[in-house]
Amino acid sequence: MKMNWKNSDLWIDMINMIFGIVIIILAVIAIQSSGNGQRLFAVVFLLGTLMFLLNALKFFRRSRFQAIVFLVFAIILAAACAVSIGGVIGG
């Protein structure tokens, strides 16, 4: 089976896989870290938001309902990111 690198869905999947690996690594470091953990969680939430937005773009053509679900989760993670950044700045 030959991969079509011009396929946008393939690129979105590859980017999501890279983001997922980075999120796992950063989350482990953030949990084990005592001082910079909050800053890393803000980055984790931001990358998660980007992943959900990419999936919303991917599914927008196929199923608007799935795209809306991904957008809702992206908004939730963006709010978590904002709260996490607020905790870093305020505390």
PDB file of N, CA and C in Angstrom:
ATOM      1  N   MET A   1       0.843  -1.179   0.000  1.00  0.00           N
ATOM      2  CA  MET A   1       0.000   0.000   0.000  1.00  0.00           C
ATOM      3  C   MET A   1       0.891   1.245   0.000  1.00  0.00           C
ATOM      4  N   LYS A   2       0.678   2.083  -0.957  1.00  0.00           N
ATOM      5  CA  LYS A   2       1.487   3.284  -1.101  1.00  0.00           C
ATOM      6  C   LYS A   2       0.796   4.458  -0.399  1.00  0.00           C
ATOM      7  N   MET A   3       1.589   5.237   0.365  1.00  0.00           N
ATOM      8  CA  MET A   3       1.024   6.396   1.056  1.00  0.00           C
ATOM      9  C   MET A   3       1.017   7.591   0.113  1.00  0.00           C
ATOM     10  N   ASN A   4      -0.077   8.307   0.122  1.00  0.00           N
ATOM     11  CA  ASN A   4      -0.212   9.503  -0.692  1.00  0.00           C
ATOM     12  C   ASN A   4       0.101  10.710   0.192  1.00  0.00           C
ATOM     13  N   TRP A   5       1.303  11.265   0.055  1.00  0.00           N
ATOM     14  CA  TRP A   5       1.734  12.378   0.913  1.00  0.00           C
ATOM     15  C   TRP A   5       1.021  13.687   0.583  1.00  0.00           C
ATOM     16  N   LYS A   6       0.279  13.721  -0.513  1.00  0.00           N
ATOM     17  CA  LYS A   6      -0.491  14.910  -0.851  1.00  0.00           C
ATOM     18  C   LYS A   6      -1.838  14.926  -0.139  1.00  0.00           C
ATOM     19  N   ASN A   7      -2.189  13.830   0.501  1.00  0.00           N
ATOM     20  CA  ASN A   7      -3.452  13.713   1.217  1.00  0.00           C
ATOM     21  C   ASN A   7      -3.373  14.528   2.521  1.00  0.00           C
ATOM     22  N   SER A   8      -4.261  15.495   2.679  1.00  0.00           N
ATOM     23  CA  SER A   8      -4.209  16.356   3.869  1.00  0.00           C
ATOM     24  C   SER A   8      -4.545  15.592   5.142  1.00  0.00           C
ATOM     25  N   ASP A   9      -5.400  14.560   5.041  1.00  0.00           N
ATOM     26  CA  ASP A   9      -5.729  13.767   6.228  1.00  0.00           C
ATOM     27  C   ASP A   9      -4.498  13.047   6.775  1.00  0.00           C
ATOM     28  N   LEU A  10      -3.647  12.586   5.878  1.00  0.00           N
ATOM     29  CA  LEU A  10      -2.418  11.912   6.306  1.00  0.00           C
ATOM     30  C   LEU A  10      -1.515  12.882   7.061  1.00  0.00           C
ATOM     31  N   TRP A  11      -1.383  14.100   6.556  1.00  0.00           N
ATOM     32  CA  TRP A  11      -0.562  15.108   7.235  1.00  0.00           C
ATOM     33  C   TRP A  11      -1.137  15.452   8.613  1.00  0.00           C
ATOM     34  N   ILE A  12      -2.445  15.584   8.686  1.00  0.00           N
ATOM     35  CA  ILE A  12      -3.076  15.889   9.976  1.00  0.00           C
ATOM     36  C   ILE A  12      -2.833  14.752  10.957  1.00  0.00           C
ATOM     37  N   ASP A  13      -2.937  13.505  10.494  1.00  0.00           N
ATOM     38  CA  ASP A  13      -2.669  12.364  11.363  1.00  0.00           C
ATOM     39  C   ASP A  13      -1.221  12.333  11.836  1.00  0.00           C
ATOM     40  N   MET A  14      -0.292  12.642  10.938  1.00  0.00           N
ATOM     41  CA  MET A  14       1.128  12.651  11.316  1.00  0.00           C
ATOM     42  C   MET A  14       1.412  13.755  12.339  1.00  0.00           C
ATOM     43  N   ILE A  15       0.850  14.939  12.119  1.00  0.00           N
ATOM     44  CA  ILE A  15       1.040  16.041  13.065  1.00  0.00           C
ATOM     45  C   ILE A  15       0.427  15.691  14.411  1.00  0.00           C
ATOM     46  N   ASN A  16      -0.760  15.080  14.399  1.00  0.00           N
ATOM     47  CA  ASN A  16      -1.405  14.674  15.650  1.00  0.00           C
ATOM     48  C   ASN A  16      -0.576  13.628  16.390  1.00  0.00           C
ATOM     49  N   MET A  17       0.053  12.724  15.656  1.00  0.00           N
ATOM     50  CA  MET A  17       0.886  11.715  16.295  1.00  0.00           C
ATOM     51  C   MET A  17       2.098  12.373  16.966  1.00  0.00           C
ATOM     52  N   ILE A  18       2.710  13.322  16.287  1.00  0.00           N
ATOM     53  CA  ILE A  18       3.855  14.032  16.874  1.00  0.00           C
ATOM     54  C   ILE A  18       3.413  14.823  18.092  1.00  0.00           C
ATOM     55  N   PHE A  19       2.294  15.553  17.981  1.00  0.00           N
ATOM     56  CA  PHE A  19       1.775  16.302  19.133  1.00  0.00           C
ATOM     57  C   PHE A  19       1.475  15.362  20.297  1.00  0.00           C
ATOM     58  N   GLY A  20       0.899  14.200  20.001  1.00  0.00           N
ATOM     59  CA  GLY A  20       0.568  13.240  21.055  1.00  0.00           C
ATOM     60  C   GLY A  20       1.802  12.756  21.798  1.00  0.00           C
ATOM     61  N   ILE A  21       2.852  12.456  21.077  1.00  0.00           N
ATOM     62  CA  ILE A  21       4.099  12.008  21.711  1.00  0.00           C
ATOM     63  C   ILE A  21       4.688  13.118  22.572  1.00  0.00           C
ATOM     64  N   VAL A  22       4.691  14.343  22.034  1.00  0.00           N
ATOM     65  CA  VAL A  22       5.214  15.485  22.801  1.00  0.00           C
ATOM     66  C   VAL A  22       4.375  15.724  24.052  1.00  0.00           C
ATOM     67  N   ILE A  23       3.059  15.587  23.939  1.00  0.00           N
ATOM     68  CA  ILE A  23       2.182  15.777  25.097  1.00  0.00           C
ATOM     69  C   ILE A  23       2.485  14.761  26.183  1.00  0.00           C
ATOM     70  N   ILE A  24       2.668  13.500  25.805  1.00  0.00           N
ATOM     71  CA  ILE A  24       2.975  12.466  26.793  1.00  0.00           C
ATOM     72  C   ILE A  24       4.293  12.773  27.496  1.00  0.00           C
ATOM     73  N   ILE A  25       5.301  13.128  26.736  1.00  0.00           N
ATOM     74  CA  ILE A  25       6.610  13.429  27.322  1.00  0.00           C
ATOM     75  C   ILE A  25       6.517  14.631  28.261  1.00  0.00           C
ATOM     76  N   LEU A  26       5.863  15.704  27.811  1.00  0.00           N
ATOM     77  CA  LEU A  26       5.740  16.904  28.650  1.00  0.00           C
ATOM     78  C   LEU A  26       4.899  16.648  29.898  1.00  0.00           C
ATOM     79  N   ALA A  27       3.849  15.843  29.764  1.00  0.00           N
ATOM     80  CA  ALA A  27       3.015  15.543  30.933  1.00  0.00           C
ATOM     81  C   ALA A  27       3.798  14.761  31.980  1.00  0.00           C
ATOM     82  N   VAL A  28       4.595  13.813  31.542  1.00  0.00           N
ATOM     83  CA  VAL A  28       5.420  13.045  32.489  1.00  0.00           C
ATOM     84  C   VAL A  28       6.427  13.963  33.175  1.00  0.00           C
ATOM     85  N   ILE A  29       7.070  14.834  32.402  1.00  0.00           N
ATOM     86  CA  ILE A  29       8.029  15.774  32.983  1.00  0.00           C
ATOM     87  C   ILE A  29       7.318  16.729  33.942  1.00  0.00           C
ATOM     88  N   ALA A  30       6.134  17.208  33.566  1.00  0.00           N
ATOM     89  CA  ALA A  30       5.396  18.151  34.416  1.00  0.00           C
ATOM     90  C   ALA A  30       4.979  17.513  35.730  1.00  0.00           C
ATOM     91  N   ILE A  31       4.591  16.242  35.681  1.00  0.00           N
ATOM     92  CA  ILE A  31       4.182  15.553  36.911  1.00  0.00           C
ATOM     93  C   ILE A  31       5.381  15.334  37.821  1.00  0.00           C
ATOM     94  N   GLN A  32       6.522  14.994  37.253  1.00  0.00           N
ATOM     95  CA  GLN A  32       7.715  14.741  38.061  1.00  0.00           C
ATOM     96  C   GLN A  32       8.411  16.013  38.502  1.00  0.00           C
ATOM     97  N   SER A  33       8.202  17.101  37.797  1.00  0.00           N
ATOM     98  CA  SER A  33       8.850  18.375  38.106  1.00  0.00           C
ATOM     99  C   SER A  33       8.108  19.081  39.226  1.00  0.00           C
ATOM    100  N   SER A  34       8.848  19.712  40.105  1.00  0.00           N
ATOM    101  CA  SER A  34       8.197  20.417  41.206  1.00  0.00           C
ATOM    102  C   SER A  34       7.994  21.896  40.900  1.00  0.00           C
ATOM    103  N   GLY A  35       8.895  22.531  40.188  1.00  0.00           N
ATOM    104  CA  GLY A  35       8.818  23.967  39.982  1.00  0.00           C
ATOM    105  C   GLY A  35       8.153  24.395  38.689  1.00  0.00           C
ATOM    106  N   ASN A  36       8.534  23.792  37.578  1.00  0.00           N
ATOM    107  CA  ASN A  36       8.047  24.236  36.267  1.00  0.00           C
ATOM    108  C   ASN A  36       6.852  23.435  35.774  1.00  0.00           C
ATOM    109  N   GLY A  37       6.252  22.647  36.624  1.00  0.00           N
ATOM    110  CA  GLY A  37       5.145  21.793  36.214  1.00  0.00           C
ATOM    111  C   GLY A  37       3.957  22.553  35.672  1.00  0.00           C
ATOM    112  N   GLN A  38       3.605  23.663  36.308  1.00  0.00           N
ATOM    113  CA  GLN A  38       2.450  24.431  35.849  1.00  0.00           C
ATOM    114  C   GLN A  38       2.666  25.007  34.453  1.00  0.00           C
ATOM    115  N   ARG A  39       3.859  25.465  34.185  1.00  0.00           N
ATOM    116  CA  ARG A  39       4.149  26.009  32.853  1.00  0.00           C
ATOM    117  C   ARG A  39       4.027  24.930  31.778  1.00  0.00           C
ATOM    118  N   LEU A  40       4.507  23.742  32.107  1.00  0.00           N
ATOM    119  CA  LEU A  40       4.435  22.657  31.139  1.00  0.00           C
ATOM    120  C   LEU A  40       2.992  22.217  30.905  1.00  0.00           C
ATOM    121  N   PHE A  41       2.160  22.261  31.948  1.00  0.00           N
ATOM    122  CA  PHE A  41       0.759  21.889  31.751  1.00  0.00           C
ATOM    123  C   PHE A  41       0.057  22.864  30.821  1.00  0.00           C
ATOM    124  N   ALA A  42       0.429  24.130  30.862  1.00  0.00           N
ATOM    125  CA  ALA A  42      -0.142  25.099  29.930  1.00  0.00           C
ATOM    126  C   ALA A  42       0.214  24.714  28.494  1.00  0.00           C
ATOM    127  N   VAL A  43       1.444  24.270  28.270  1.00  0.00           N
ATOM    128  CA  VAL A  43       1.870  23.836  26.943  1.00  0.00           C
ATOM    129  C   VAL A  43       1.122  22.565  26.535  1.00  0.00           C
ATOM    130  N   VAL A  44       0.943  21.642  27.483  1.00  0.00           N
ATOM    131  CA  VAL A  44       0.210  20.405  27.206  1.00  0.00           C
ATOM    132  C   VAL A  44      -1.221  20.730  26.772  1.00  0.00           C
ATOM    133  N   PHE A  45      -1.886  21.622  27.507  1.00  0.00           N
ATOM    134  CA  PHE A  45      -3.258  21.993  27.150  1.00  0.00           C
ATOM    135  C   PHE A  45      -3.305  22.700  25.795  1.00  0.00           C
ATOM    136  N   LEU A  46      -2.311  23.521  25.513  1.00  0.00           N
ATOM    137  CA  LEU A  46      -2.262  24.209  24.223  1.00  0.00           C
ATOM    138  C   LEU A  46      -2.089  23.216  23.074  1.00  0.00           C
ATOM    139  N   LEU A  47      -1.190  22.256  23.233  1.00  0.00           N
ATOM    140  CA  LEU A  47      -1.003  21.246  22.192  1.00  0.00           C
ATOM    141  C   LEU A  47      -2.254  20.386  22.023  1.00  0.00           C
ATOM    142  N   GLY A  48      -2.922  20.073  23.128  1.00  0.00           N
ATOM    143  CA  GLY A  48      -4.176  19.330  23.046  1.00  0.00           C
ATOM    144  C   GLY A  48      -5.241  20.102  22.292  1.00  0.00           C
ATOM    145  N   THR A  49      -5.289  21.408  22.541  1.00  0.00           N
ATOM    146  CA  THR A  49      -6.224  22.265  21.811  1.00  0.00           C
ATOM    147  C   THR A  49      -5.931  22.226  20.322  1.00  0.00           C
ATOM    148  N   LEU A  50      -4.666  22.314  19.955  1.00  0.00           N
ATOM    149  CA  LEU A  50      -4.288  22.260  18.539  1.00  0.00           C
ATOM    150  C   LEU A  50      -4.651  20.913  17.915  1.00  0.00           C
ATOM    151  N   MET A  51      -4.489  19.828  18.674  1.00  0.00           N
ATOM    152  CA  MET A  51      -4.858  18.513  18.163  1.00  0.00           C
ATOM    153  C   MET A  51      -6.355  18.440  17.868  1.00  0.00           C
ATOM    154  N   PHE A  52      -7.169  18.929  18.787  1.00  0.00           N
ATOM    155  CA  PHE A  52      -8.614  18.895  18.575  1.00  0.00           C
ATOM    156  C   PHE A  52      -9.025  19.795  17.413  1.00  0.00           C
ATOM    157  N   LEU A  53      -8.363  20.941  17.263  1.00  0.00           N
ATOM    158  CA  LEU A  53      -8.676  21.815  16.136  1.00  0.00           C
ATOM    159  C   LEU A  53      -8.306  21.161  14.797  1.00  0.00           C
ATOM    160  N   LEU A  54      -7.163  20.483  14.767  1.00  0.00           N
ATOM    161  CA  LEU A  54      -6.784  19.775  13.542  1.00  0.00           C
ATOM    162  C   LEU A  54      -7.786  18.679  13.203  1.00  0.00           C
ATOM    163  N   ASN A  55      -8.246  17.954  14.222  1.00  0.00           N
ATOM    164  CA  ASN A  55      -9.244  16.916  13.972  1.00  0.00           C
ATOM    165  C   ASN A  55     -10.575  17.509  13.534  1.00  0.00           C
ATOM    166  N   ALA A  56     -10.929  18.667  14.057  1.00  0.00           N
ATOM    167  CA  ALA A  56     -12.158  19.332  13.614  1.00  0.00           C
ATOM    168  C   ALA A  56     -12.057  19.678  12.128  1.00  0.00           C
ATOM    169  N   LEU A  57     -10.887  20.166  11.711  1.00  0.00           N
ATOM    170  CA  LEU A  57     -10.682  20.454  10.283  1.00  0.00           C
ATOM    171  C   LEU A  57     -10.764  19.191   9.438  1.00  0.00           C
ATOM    172  N   LYS A  58     -10.187  18.118   9.960  1.00  0.00           N
ATOM    173  CA  LYS A  58     -10.174  16.862   9.229  1.00  0.00           C
ATOM    174  C   LYS A  58     -11.595  16.321   9.027  1.00  0.00           C
ATOM    175  N   PHE A  59     -12.416  16.385  10.068  1.00  0.00           N
ATOM    176  CA  PHE A  59     -13.744  15.793   9.994  1.00  0.00           C
ATOM    177  C   PHE A  59     -14.807  16.748   9.477  1.00  0.00           C
ATOM    178  N   PHE A  60     -14.465  17.999   9.247  1.00  0.00           N
ATOM    179  CA  PHE A  60     -15.454  18.978   8.806  1.00  0.00           C
ATOM    180  C   PHE A  60     -16.084  18.581   7.471  1.00  0.00           C
ATOM    181  N   ARG A  61     -15.274  18.030   6.580  1.00  0.00           N
ATOM    182  CA  ARG A  61     -15.800  17.625   5.272  1.00  0.00           C
ATOM    183  C   ARG A  61     -16.687  16.390   5.354  1.00  0.00           C
ATOM    184  N   ARG A  62     -16.362  15.484   6.272  1.00  0.00           N
ATOM    185  CA  ARG A  62     -17.092  14.217   6.364  1.00  0.00           C
ATOM    186  C   ARG A  62     -18.344  14.316   7.215  1.00  0.00           C
ATOM    187  N   SER A  63     -18.178  14.848   8.410  1.00  0.00           N
ATOM    188  CA  SER A  63     -19.282  14.864   9.369  1.00  0.00           C
ATOM    189  C   SER A  63     -19.221  16.157  10.176  1.00  0.00           C
ATOM    190  N   ARG A  64     -20.179  17.005   9.954  1.00  0.00           N
ATOM    191  CA  ARG A  64     -20.193  18.277  10.683  1.00  0.00           C
ATOM    192  C   ARG A  64     -20.382  18.043  12.178  1.00  0.00           C
ATOM    193  N   PHE A  65     -21.152  17.007  12.545  1.00  0.00           N
ATOM    194  CA  PHE A  65     -21.371  16.721  13.965  1.00  0.00           C
ATOM    195  C   PHE A  65     -20.057  16.392  14.667  1.00  0.00           C
ATOM    196  N   GLN A  66     -19.255  15.517  14.065  1.00  0.00           N
ATOM    197  CA  GLN A  66     -17.963  15.175  14.653  1.00  0.00           C
ATOM    198  C   GLN A  66     -17.059  16.398  14.741  1.00  0.00           C
ATOM    199  N   ALA A  67     -17.097  17.231  13.738  1.00  0.00           N
ATOM    200  CA  ALA A  67     -16.289  18.450  13.755  1.00  0.00           C
ATOM    201  C   ALA A  67     -16.713  19.352  14.909  1.00  0.00           C
ATOM    202  N   ILE A  68     -18.003  19.474  15.138  1.00  0.00           N
ATOM    203  CA  ILE A  68     -18.492  20.300  16.242  1.00  0.00           C
ATOM    204  C   ILE A  68     -18.078  19.717  17.586  1.00  0.00           C
ATOM    205  N   VAL A  69     -18.122  18.399  17.713  1.00  0.00           N
ATOM    206  CA  VAL A  69     -17.681  17.760  18.962  1.00  0.00           C
ATOM    207  C   VAL A  69     -16.208  18.063  19.205  1.00  0.00           C
ATOM    208  N   PHE A  70     -15.381  17.950  18.175  1.00  0.00           N
ATOM    209  CA  PHE A  70     -13.963  18.277  18.323  1.00  0.00           C
ATOM    210  C   PHE A  70     -13.769  19.748  18.689  1.00  0.00           C
ATOM    211  N   LEU A  71     -14.568  20.634  18.108  1.00  0.00           N
ATOM    212  CA  LEU A  71     -14.467  22.054  18.447  1.00  0.00           C
ATOM    213  C   LEU A  71     -14.844  22.318  19.896  1.00  0.00           C
ATOM    214  N   VAL A  72     -15.867  21.624  20.392  1.00  0.00           N
ATOM    215  CA  VAL A  72     -16.265  21.791  21.801  1.00  0.00           C
ATOM    216  C   VAL A  72     -15.127  21.373  22.721  1.00  0.00           C
ATOM    217  N   PHE A  73     -14.506  20.232  22.430  1.00  0.00           N
ATOM    218  CA  PHE A  73     -13.384  19.800  23.256  1.00  0.00           C
ATOM    219  C   PHE A  73     -12.184  20.741  23.130  1.00  0.00           C
ATOM    220  N   ALA A  74     -11.984  21.311  21.951  1.00  0.00           N
ATOM    221  CA  ALA A  74     -10.905  22.290  21.774  1.00  0.00           C
ATOM    222  C   ALA A  74     -11.162  23.520  22.637  1.00  0.00           C
ATOM    223  N   ILE A  75     -12.408  23.956  22.702  1.00  0.00           N
ATOM    224  CA  ILE A  75     -12.746  25.111  23.538  1.00  0.00           C
ATOM    225  C   ILE A  75     -12.523  24.797  25.012  1.00  0.00           C
ATOM    226  N   ILE A  76     -12.888  23.588  25.427  1.00  0.00           N
ATOM    227  CA  ILE A  76     -12.675  23.187  26.824  1.00  0.00           C
ATOM    228  C   ILE A  76     -11.182  23.183  27.156  1.00  0.00           C
ATOM    229  N   LEU A  77     -10.371  22.621  26.260  1.00  0.00           N
ATOM    230  CA  LEU A  77      -8.926  22.600  26.512  1.00  0.00           C
ATOM    231  C   LEU A  77      -8.314  23.989  26.439  1.00  0.00           C
ATOM    232  N   ALA A  78      -8.836  24.840  25.579  1.00  0.00           N
ATOM    233  CA  ALA A  78      -8.345  26.224  25.527  1.00  0.00           C
ATOM    234  C   ALA A  78      -8.645  26.935  26.843  1.00  0.00           C
ATOM    235  N   ALA A  79      -9.814  26.666  27.413  1.00  0.00           N
ATOM    236  CA  ALA A  79     -10.148  27.250  28.718  1.00  0.00           C
ATOM    237  C   ALA A  79      -9.220  26.712  29.800  1.00  0.00           C
ATOM    238  N   ALA A  80      -8.919  25.410  29.761  1.00  0.00           N
ATOM    239  CA  ALA A  80      -7.979  24.830  30.728  1.00  0.00           C
ATOM    240  C   ALA A  80      -6.596  25.439  30.559  1.00  0.00           C
ATOM    241  N   CYS A  81      -6.207  25.699  29.332  1.00  0.00           N
ATOM    242  CA  CYS A  81      -4.923  26.343  29.062  1.00  0.00           C
ATOM    243  C   CYS A  81      -4.915  27.755  29.654  1.00  0.00           C
ATOM    244  N   ALA A  82      -6.007  28.493  29.464  1.00  0.00           N
ATOM    245  CA  ALA A  82      -6.084  29.854  29.999  1.00  0.00           C
ATOM    246  C   ALA A  82      -6.026  29.847  31.526  1.00  0.00           C
ATOM    247  N   VAL A  83      -6.724  28.908  32.142  1.00  0.00           N
ATOM    248  CA  VAL A  83      -6.688  28.799  33.610  1.00  0.00           C
ATOM    249  C   VAL A  83      -5.281  28.443  34.077  1.00  0.00           C
ATOM    250  N   SER A  84      -4.632  27.536  33.342  1.00  0.00           N
ATOM    251  CA  SER A  84      -3.265  27.140  33.703  1.00  0.00           C
ATOM    252  C   SER A  84      -2.298  28.301  33.550  1.00  0.00           C
ATOM    253  N   ILE A  85      -2.438  29.077  32.481  1.00  0.00           N
ATOM    254  CA  ILE A  85      -1.579  30.255  32.305  1.00  0.00           C
ATOM    255  C   ILE A  85      -1.870  31.289  33.388  1.00  0.00           C
ATOM    256  N   GLY A  86      -3.140  31.455  33.722  1.00  0.00           N
ATOM    257  CA  GLY A  86      -3.501  32.379  34.806  1.00  0.00           C
ATOM    258  C   GLY A  86      -2.903  31.961  36.131  1.00  0.00           C
ATOM    259  N   GLY A  87      -2.837  30.664  36.381  1.00  0.00           N
ATOM    260  CA  GLY A  87      -2.202  30.172  37.609  1.00  0.00           C
ATOM    261  C   GLY A  87      -0.715  30.430  37.634  1.00  0.00           C
ATOM    262  N   VAL A  88      -0.082  30.332  36.478  1.00  0.00           N
ATOM    263  CA  VAL A  88       1.358  30.597  36.402  1.00  0.00           C
ATOM    264  C   VAL A  88       1.633  32.068  36.612  1.00  0.00           C
ATOM    265  N   ILE A  89       0.834  32.925  35.978  1.00  0.00           N
ATOM    266  CA  ILE A  89       1.056  34.366  36.097  1.00  0.00           C
ATOM    267  C   ILE A  89       0.675  34.861  37.486  1.00  0.00           C
ATOM    268  N   GLY A  90      -0.453  34.377  37.976  1.00  0.00           N
ATOM    269  CA  GLY A  90      -0.947  34.871  39.270  1.00  0.00           C
ATOM    270  C   GLY A  90      -0.234  34.265  40.465  1.00  0.00           C
ATOM    271  N   GLY A  91       0.312  33.098  40.302  1.00  0.00           N
ATOM    272  CA  GLY A  91       0.873  32.450  41.482  1.00  0.00           C
ATOM    273  C   GLY A  91       2.259  32.091  41.314  1.00  0.00           C
TER     274      GLY A  91
END
